[in-house]
């Protein structure tokens, strides 16, 4: 339990430090509120997706995992200075 508490402290302290460094403290509150709202709404999808995978897809989570990768790539590509997500794994 103590390790979990320390891990959560490290996670959230770095989360807020990164937001401050990226967006500045004039927009800090707005950006954290937008991010937390978005994360909460996406978190609400866990139960329907799990139910769908267990009952509709027969316990196969592959489709849901593929959808997650597609959405991650779409959101990653919206970052102006980010390299393509899959190009980081392949060395040329």
Protein backbone atom coordinates (compact mmCIF):
# COMPACT_ATOMS: atom_id res chain seq x y z
CA UNK A 1 0.00 0.00 0.00
CA UNK A 2 2.86 2.37 0.75
CA UNK A 3 4.50 1.66 -2.61
CA UNK A 4 1.21 2.37 -4.36
CA UNK A 5 0.88 5.70 -2.54
CA UNK A 6 4.46 6.70 -3.39
CA UNK A 7 3.95 5.67 -7.01
CA UNK A 8 0.79 7.75 -7.29
CA UNK A 9 2.59 10.73 -5.76
CA UNK A 10 5.38 10.45 -8.35
CA UNK A 11 2.91 10.03 -11.19
CA UNK A 12 0.83 13.07 -10.33
CA UNK A 13 3.75 15.30 -9.41
CA UNK A 14 5.34 14.67 -12.82
CA UNK A 15 1.95 15.08 -14.54
CA UNK A 16 1.46 18.56 -13.12
CA UNK A 17 5.11 19.52 -13.68
CA UNK A 18 4.87 18.55 -17.36
CA UNK A 19 1.65 20.53 -17.82
CA UNK A 20 3.27 23.58 -16.24
CA UNK A 21 6.36 23.28 -18.42
CA UNK A 22 4.44 22.69 -21.65
CA UNK A 23 1.64 25.21 -21.37
CA UNK A 24 2.84 27.74 -18.81
CA UNK A 25 1.11 28.61 -15.62
CA UNK A 26 -1.26 31.15 -17.16
CA UNK A 27 -3.11 28.29 -18.90
CA UNK A 28 -2.31 25.62 -16.34
CA UNK A 29 -5.73 25.39 -14.68
CA UNK A 30 -7.65 25.33 -17.95
CA UNK A 31 -5.44 22.68 -19.53
CA UNK A 32 -5.52 20.41 -16.48
CA UNK A 33 -9.30 20.77 -16.30
CA UNK A 34 -9.70 19.89 -19.98
CA UNK A 35 -7.35 16.91 -19.64
CA UNK A 36 -9.01 15.59 -16.50
CA UNK A 37 -12.47 15.94 -18.06
CA UNK A 38 -11.36 14.11 -21.20
CA UNK A 39 -9.68 11.37 -19.15
CA UNK A 40 -12.80 10.97 -17.03
CA UNK A 41 -15.05 10.65 -20.06
CA UNK A 42 -12.75 8.09 -21.66
CA UNK A 43 -12.59 6.24 -18.34
CA UNK A 44 -16.37 5.91 -18.41
CA UNK A 45 -16.02 3.83 -21.57
CA UNK A 46 -14.16 1.04 -19.74
CA UNK A 47 -17.28 -0.73 -18.55
CA UNK A 48 -19.15 -0.77 -21.89
CA UNK A 49 -16.02 -1.84 -23.78
CA UNK A 50 -15.29 -4.61 -21.28
CA UNK A 51 -18.89 -5.79 -21.45
CA UNK A 52 -18.75 -5.71 -25.26
CA UNK A 53 -15.50 -7.68 -25.35
CA UNK A 54 -16.67 -10.29 -22.86
CA UNK A 55 -20.19 -10.80 -24.19
CA UNK A 56 -20.24 -9.52 -27.75
CA UNK A 57 -16.77 -10.59 -28.84
CA UNK A 58 -16.56 -13.79 -26.81
CA UNK A 59 -13.77 -12.61 -24.53
CA UNK A 60 -11.51 -11.48 -27.37
CA UNK A 61 -10.07 -8.02 -26.65
CA UNK A 62 -8.06 -7.80 -29.88
CA UNK A 63 -10.51 -5.50 -31.67
CA UNK A 64 -10.66 -3.12 -28.72
CA UNK A 65 -6.86 -3.07 -28.48
CA UNK A 66 -6.60 -2.29 -32.20
CA UNK A 67 -9.12 0.54 -31.83
CA UNK A 68 -7.06 1.92 -28.96
CA UNK A 69 -3.92 1.92 -31.11
CA UNK A 70 -5.77 3.68 -33.95
CA UNK A 71 -7.12 6.39 -31.63
CA UNK A 72 -3.71 6.80 -30.00
CA UNK A 73 -2.10 7.31 -33.41
CA UNK A 74 -4.79 9.84 -34.35
CA UNK A 75 -4.32 11.86 -31.16
CA UNK A 76 -0.51 11.57 -31.38
CA UNK A 77 -0.56 12.95 -34.93
CA UNK A 78 -2.30 16.10 -33.62
CA UNK A 79 0.85 17.03 -31.70
CA UNK A 80 2.68 19.51 -33.93
CA UNK A 81 6.26 18.49 -33.06
CA UNK A 82 5.74 14.78 -32.49
CA UNK A 83 7.28 12.29 -34.89
CA UNK A 84 4.99 9.58 -36.29
CA UNK A 85 4.17 7.13 -33.50
CA UNK A 86 5.20 3.96 -35.30
CA UNK A 87 8.41 5.40 -36.80
CA UNK A 88 9.98 5.47 -33.33
CA UNK A 89 9.88 1.67 -33.09
CA UNK A 90 11.50 1.08 -36.49
CA UNK A 91 15.08 2.08 -37.06
CA UNK A 92 15.97 3.06 -40.62
